Amino acid sequence: MTGVPFDFDEIGYWSELKLQIVEKYGTAYTKAFKKNGRLQKYYIDGFSGAGVHLSKKTATQIEGSPVRALKVSPPFDGFYFIDLDEEKTSYLQIICGNRSDVRIYTGDATQYLTKEILPQIQYKKYKRALCLLDPYGLHLDWEAIYQAGQSKAIDMFLNFPVMDVNRNAIWKNPERVTRDGIERMNKFWGDESWKQVAYVASPQGNFFGPEVVKQGNEEIVAAFAQRLKKIAGFQFVPKPLPMKNRTNAVVYYLFFASQKPVAEKIITDIFRKYRG
């Protein structure tokens, strides 16, 4: 598109499927509240982007999650869009126009979520929200995830960036991991307990004694699912959907977490259609 001062993000096949999944669930979500006029329902996008992407396969424009959410029917009562990139939020503002039900924030998602938005979305306040947290790697603090679970009022999609985790935090030799990588992992996970999950002592060992073995993605992801339940307080966390790149390597796992069994059933049915 001419006149745009930045390049739209290019997304692959699985990212396109993710957008479809969130859109499908969003429609089911608002329909579930159609007969309850007392509740207010919101859509929160912690890493919204510009509202438009480019397909890596076709180079054509694809509507991003904010634009799709705005078109959901029945509609949400309000929208919160957040992104660190001012050029992207400015473009998204143009797309949204002067809609009074939209709030767009430029800055750190964790800060805005934990200080401004999530404290407002509480079960006892008759407010509910569908929240998409799709960070660009390990750029999200556990506190935002924790508050979402503790609110008892939020259904959450979460990108668990396993490729970034393996590149920056969990290596075969843990002693070589940089301090920055460890700190980023601590913030995302919430503490240092990921180390006990990521590394175990080999029963065979070697000539020099016990050998530390790096665990696979499945073990790490399963442990994170338990944190969503036991620590954050989500009651239902279906098995996440692995999202892959063109070489069939898992880039991230798409988590869903909710307080309602009906929500788990809906997303399990949706995920089933996309599992290979």
Protein backbone atom coordinates (compact mmCIF):
# COMPACT_ATOMS: atom_id res chain seq x y z
CA MET A 1 0.00 0.00 0.00
CA THR A 2 1.45 3.35 -0.97
CA GLY A 3 1.84 6.02 1.67
CA VAL A 4 2.47 3.60 4.53
CA PRO A 5 5.72 4.58 6.35
CA PHE A 6 6.55 1.00 7.37
CA ASP A 7 6.41 -2.54 6.09
CA PHE A 8 3.49 -4.71 7.14
CA ASP A 9 4.45 -7.85 9.03
CA GLU A 10 4.67 -10.92 6.83
CA ILE A 11 2.97 -13.98 8.25
CA GLY A 12 3.04 -17.63 7.28
CA TYR A 13 0.38 -20.29 6.89
CA TRP A 14 0.05 -21.18 10.56
CA SER A 15 -0.24 -17.55 11.61
CA GLU A 16 -3.10 -17.20 9.15
CA LEU A 17 -4.76 -20.20 10.75
CA LYS A 18 -4.28 -18.63 14.18
CA LEU A 19 -6.19 -15.56 13.03
CA GLN A 20 -9.00 -17.79 11.78
CA ILE A 21 -9.12 -19.65 15.10
CA VAL A 22 -9.33 -16.47 17.19
CA GLU A 23 -11.99 -15.07 14.87
CA LYS A 24 -14.10 -18.23 15.08
CA TYR A 25 -13.91 -18.33 18.83
CA GLY A 26 -14.67 -14.61 19.07
CA THR A 27 -17.94 -15.14 17.25
CA ALA A 28 -18.89 -18.04 19.52
CA TYR A 29 -17.85 -15.97 22.55
CA THR A 30 -20.09 -12.99 21.87
CA LYS A 31 -23.02 -15.20 20.90
CA ALA A 32 -22.80 -16.90 24.30
CA PHE A 33 -23.45 -13.54 25.97
CA LYS A 34 -26.16 -12.38 23.60
CA LYS A 35 -29.03 -12.99 26.02
CA ASN A 36 -27.26 -11.54 29.05
CA GLY A 37 -27.53 -7.81 28.67
CA ARG A 38 -26.12 -7.19 32.13
CA LEU A 39 -22.60 -8.28 31.23
CA GLN A 40 -20.15 -6.14 29.31
CA LYS A 41 -17.79 -8.01 27.02
CA TYR A 42 -14.45 -6.70 25.77
CA TYR A 43 -11.74 -7.70 23.34
CA ILE A 44 -8.12 -7.15 24.39
CA ASP A 45 -5.19 -7.49 22.00
CA GLY A 46 -1.83 -7.10 23.73
CA PHE A 47 0.28 -7.15 20.56
CA SER A 48 -2.13 -5.86 17.95
CA GLY A 49 0.20 -4.79 15.17
CA ALA A 50 -1.11 -2.48 12.47
CA GLY A 51 -4.32 -4.41 11.83
CA VAL A 52 -3.01 -5.61 8.46
CA HIS A 53 -0.46 -8.29 7.53
CA LEU A 54 1.03 -9.61 4.32
CA SER A 55 0.82 -13.27 3.39
CA LYS A 56 4.26 -14.79 2.84
CA LYS A 57 2.72 -17.16 0.32
CA THR A 58 0.68 -14.77 -1.80
CA ALA A 59 2.03 -11.31 -0.80
CA THR A 60 -1.58 -10.18 -0.47
CA GLN A 61 -2.95 -8.21 2.46
CA ILE A 62 -4.60 -10.12 5.29
CA GLU A 63 -6.76 -8.64 8.00
CA GLY A 64 -5.11 -8.83 11.42
CA SER A 65 -6.74 -9.78 14.70
CA PRO A 66 -7.96 -6.24 15.59
CA VAL A 67 -9.82 -5.79 12.31
CA ARG A 68 -11.37 -9.24 12.58
CA ALA A 69 -12.45 -8.55 16.17
CA LEU A 70 -14.14 -5.32 15.10
CA LYS A 71 -16.25 -7.31 12.63
CA VAL A 72 -17.39 -10.00 15.08
CA SER A 73 -21.16 -10.26 15.37
CA PRO A 74 -22.74 -9.87 17.87
CA PRO A 75 -20.19 -7.16 18.62
CA PHE A 76 -17.99 -6.68 21.65
CA ASP A 77 -18.84 -3.73 23.88
CA GLY A 78 -15.31 -2.37 23.78
CA PHE A 79 -11.84 -2.96 22.40
CA TYR A 80 -8.32 -2.45 23.74
CA PHE A 81 -5.46 -2.59 21.23
CA ILE A 82 -1.81 -2.34 22.34
CA ASP A 83 1.46 -2.33 20.45
CA LEU A 84 4.97 -1.08 21.12
CA ASP A 85 5.40 0.29 17.59
CA GLU A 86 3.96 3.80 17.20
CA GLU A 87 3.80 3.54 13.41
CA LYS A 88 1.63 0.43 13.71
CA THR A 89 -0.73 1.89 16.31
CA SER A 90 -1.04 5.07 14.25
CA TYR A 91 -2.07 3.04 11.23
CA LEU A 92 -4.49 1.02 13.33
CA GLN A 93 -6.01 4.28 14.56
CA ILE A 94 -6.69 5.25 10.95
CA ILE A 95 -8.44 1.92 10.37
CA CYS A 96 -10.56 2.31 13.52
CA GLY A 97 -11.43 5.93 12.82
CA ASN A 98 -13.27 7.76 15.57
CA ARG A 99 -14.99 4.77 17.11
CA SER A 100 -15.78 5.56 20.75
CA ASP A 101 -15.59 1.88 21.74
CA VAL A 102 -11.91 1.53 20.78
CA ARG A 103 -8.88 2.36 22.92
CA ILE A 104 -5.43 2.18 21.30
CA TYR A 105 -2.26 2.34 23.39
CA THR A 106 1.34 2.62 22.26
CA GLY A 107 3.83 1.12 24.69
CA ASP A 108 4.72 -1.89 26.78
CA ALA A 109 1.88 -4.40 26.82
CA THR A 110 2.60 -5.78 30.28
CA GLN A 111 2.49 -2.34 31.89
CA TYR A 112 -0.72 -1.27 30.24
CA LEU A 113 -2.43 -4.61 30.83
CA THR A 114 -1.51 -4.91 34.50
CA LYS A 115 -1.94 -1.26 35.48
CA GLU A 116 -4.86 -0.09 33.35
CA ILE A 117 -6.93 -2.78 31.66
CA LEU A 118 -6.97 -6.04 33.61
CA PRO A 119 -7.83 -4.44 36.97
CA GLN A 120 -11.06 -3.26 35.35
CA ILE A 121 -12.08 -6.68 33.99
CA GLN A 122 -13.37 -8.47 37.06
CA TYR A 123 -16.02 -11.14 37.49
CA LYS A 124 -17.76 -9.27 40.30
CA LYS A 125 -18.00 -6.15 38.13
CA TYR A 126 -20.01 -8.05 35.48
CA LYS A 127 -17.24 -7.53 32.95
CA ARG A 128 -15.80 -10.24 30.73
CA ALA A 129 -13.07 -10.24 28.10
CA LEU A 130 -11.47 -12.28 25.36
CA CYS A 131 -7.75 -11.56 25.51
CA LEU A 132 -5.18 -12.34 22.82
CA LEU A 133 -1.57 -12.26 23.99
CA ASP A 134 0.60 -12.94 20.96
CA PRO A 135 4.03 -11.52 21.90
CA TYR A 136 7.00 -11.23 19.59
CA GLY A 137 8.94 -13.86 21.51
CA LEU A 138 9.57 -13.62 25.27
CA HIS A 139 8.23 -10.07 25.51
CA LEU A 140 5.51 -10.56 28.10
CA ASP A 141 5.65 -10.75 31.89
CA TRP A 142 3.90 -13.49 33.83
CA GLU A 143 2.08 -10.86 35.89
CA ALA A 144 -0.25 -10.13 32.96
CA ILE A 145 -1.06 -13.82 32.56
CA TYR A 146 -1.54 -14.18 36.31
CA GLN A 147 -3.91 -11.22 36.56
CA ALA A 148 -5.95 -12.56 33.65
CA GLY A 149 -6.41 -15.86 35.45
CA GLN A 150 -7.12 -14.32 38.84
CA SER A 151 -9.82 -12.05 37.41
CA LYS A 152 -12.02 -15.12 36.81
CA ALA A 153 -13.48 -13.12 33.94
CA ILE A 154 -11.13 -13.66 31.00
CA ASP A 155 -10.78 -16.20 28.21
CA MET A 156 -7.22 -16.04 26.94
CA PHE A 157 -5.32 -17.04 23.83
CA LEU A 158 -1.58 -17.09 24.50
CA ASN A 159 1.39 -17.61 22.22
CA PHE A 160 3.98 -19.71 24.04
CA PRO A 161 7.08 -18.82 21.97
CA VAL A 162 8.94 -22.10 22.18
CA MET A 163 11.36 -21.26 19.35
CA ASP A 164 12.45 -18.08 21.12
CA VAL A 165 12.67 -20.03 24.38
CA ASN A 166 15.07 -22.53 22.80
CA ARG A 167 17.11 -19.83 21.10
CA ASN A 168 17.58 -17.61 24.13
CA ALA A 169 16.95 -19.46 27.39
CA ILE A 170 16.89 -23.25 27.30
CA TRP A 171 20.07 -24.67 25.78
CA LYS A 172 21.64 -28.11 25.94
CA ASN A 173 24.39 -26.55 28.02
CA PRO A 174 22.61 -24.34 30.60
CA GLU A 175 25.88 -22.81 31.77
CA ARG A 176 26.26 -21.01 28.45
CA VAL A 177 22.88 -19.25 28.52
CA THR A 178 23.23 -15.46 28.73
CA ARG A 179 21.95 -13.56 31.74
CA ASP A 180 19.56 -11.65 29.49
CA GLY A 181 18.04 -14.88 28.22
CA ILE A 182 17.56 -16.18 31.75
CA GLU A 183 15.94 -12.94 32.92
CA ARG A 184 13.54 -12.87 29.97
CA MET A 185 12.54 -16.46 30.68
CA ASN A 186 12.06 -15.71 34.38
CA LYS A 187 9.72 -12.84 33.56
CA PHE A 188 7.66 -14.86 31.10
CA TRP A 189 7.49 -17.96 33.32
CA GLY A 190 7.04 -16.00 36.52
CA ASP A 191 9.97 -17.43 38.47
CA GLU A 192 12.97 -19.73 38.04
CA SER A 193 11.05 -22.99 38.37
CA TRP A 194 11.36 -23.50 34.61
CA LYS A 195 14.93 -24.65 35.22
CA GLN A 196 13.71 -27.71 37.12
CA VAL A 197 11.40 -28.49 34.22
CA ALA A 198 13.88 -27.82 31.44
CA TYR A 199 16.79 -29.82 32.84
CA VAL A 200 16.94 -33.23 34.50
CA ALA A 201 19.82 -35.41 35.58
CA SER A 202 20.50 -38.33 33.26
CA PRO A 203 20.31 -41.68 35.09
CA GLN A 204 23.30 -42.92 33.09
CA GLY A 205 25.57 -39.94 33.69
CA ASN A 206 29.09 -40.06 32.34
CA PHE A 207 32.67 -40.57 33.48
CA PHE A 208 32.66 -37.24 35.31
CA GLY A 209 29.37 -37.80 37.18
CA PRO A 210 25.69 -36.91 36.66
CA GLU A 211 24.88 -35.36 33.30
CA VAL A 212 22.22 -32.67 32.84
CA VAL A 213 19.82 -33.38 29.98
CA LYS A 214 17.64 -30.77 28.30
CA GLN A 215 13.98 -31.74 28.15
CA GLY A 216 11.93 -31.59 24.98
CA ASN A 217 9.30 -29.02 24.05
CA GLU A 218 6.40 -31.23 25.11
CA GLU A 219 7.59 -31.48 28.72
CA ILE A 220 8.15 -27.74 28.98
CA VAL A 221 4.79 -26.90 27.42
CA ALA A 222 2.98 -29.37 29.67
CA ALA A 223 4.55 -27.78 32.74
CA PHE A 224 3.49 -24.33 31.59
CA ALA A 225 -0.08 -25.59 31.17
CA GLN A 226 -0.01 -26.66 34.81
CA ARG A 227 1.15 -23.19 35.82
CA LEU A 228 -1.81 -21.68 34.01
CA LYS A 229 -4.09 -23.86 36.13
CA LYS A 230 -2.39 -24.06 39.52
CA ILE A 231 -0.75 -20.63 39.73
CA ALA A 232 -2.69 -18.30 37.42
CA GLY A 233 -6.01 -19.90 38.33
CA PHE A 234 -7.53 -20.84 34.99
CA GLN A 235 -9.78 -23.86 35.42
CA PHE A 236 -9.64 -25.15 31.86
CA VAL A 237 -6.51 -25.31 29.71
CA PRO A 238 -6.94 -27.62 26.70
CA LYS A 239 -3.90 -29.16 25.04
CA PRO A 240 -2.26 -26.31 23.07
CA LEU A 241 -2.03 -26.28 19.30
CA PRO A 242 1.50 -26.45 17.82
CA MET A 243 2.02 -23.76 15.18
CA LYS A 244 4.70 -24.55 12.60
CA ASN A 245 6.84 -22.88 9.95
CA ARG A 246 7.45 -23.93 6.36
CA THR A 247 9.98 -26.58 7.45
CA ASN A 248 7.38 -28.09 9.81
CA ALA A 249 9.28 -26.98 12.92
CA VAL A 250 7.14 -25.76 15.82
CA VAL A 251 7.53 -22.00 16.19
CA TYR A 252 5.11 -21.60 19.10
CA TYR A 253 2.21 -23.27 20.86
CA LEU A 254 -1.18 -21.59 20.87
CA PHE A 255 -2.63 -21.90 24.36
CA PHE A 256 -6.21 -21.28 25.34
CA ALA A 257 -7.31 -20.83 28.95
CA SER A 258 -10.73 -20.19 30.46
CA GLN A 259 -12.92 -20.60 33.54
CA LYS A 260 -15.82 -22.23 31.67
CA PRO A 261 -16.19 -25.86 30.53
CA VAL A 262 -18.27 -24.75 27.54
CA ALA A 263 -15.35 -22.59 26.40
CA GLU A 264 -13.02 -25.57 26.60
CA LYS A 265 -15.42 -27.64 24.51
CA ILE A 266 -15.71 -24.95 21.83
CA ILE A 267 -11.97 -24.41 21.47
CA THR A 268 -11.21 -28.14 21.60
CA ASP A 269 -13.56 -28.63 18.65
CA ILE A 270 -11.90 -25.75 16.79
CA PHE A 271 -8.36 -26.95 17.55
CA ARG A 272 -9.26 -30.48 16.42
CA LYS A 273 -9.88 -29.22 12.89
CA TYR A 274 -6.37 -27.78 12.67
CA ARG A 275 -4.32 -30.53 14.28
CA GLY A 276 -2.18 -32.44 11.80
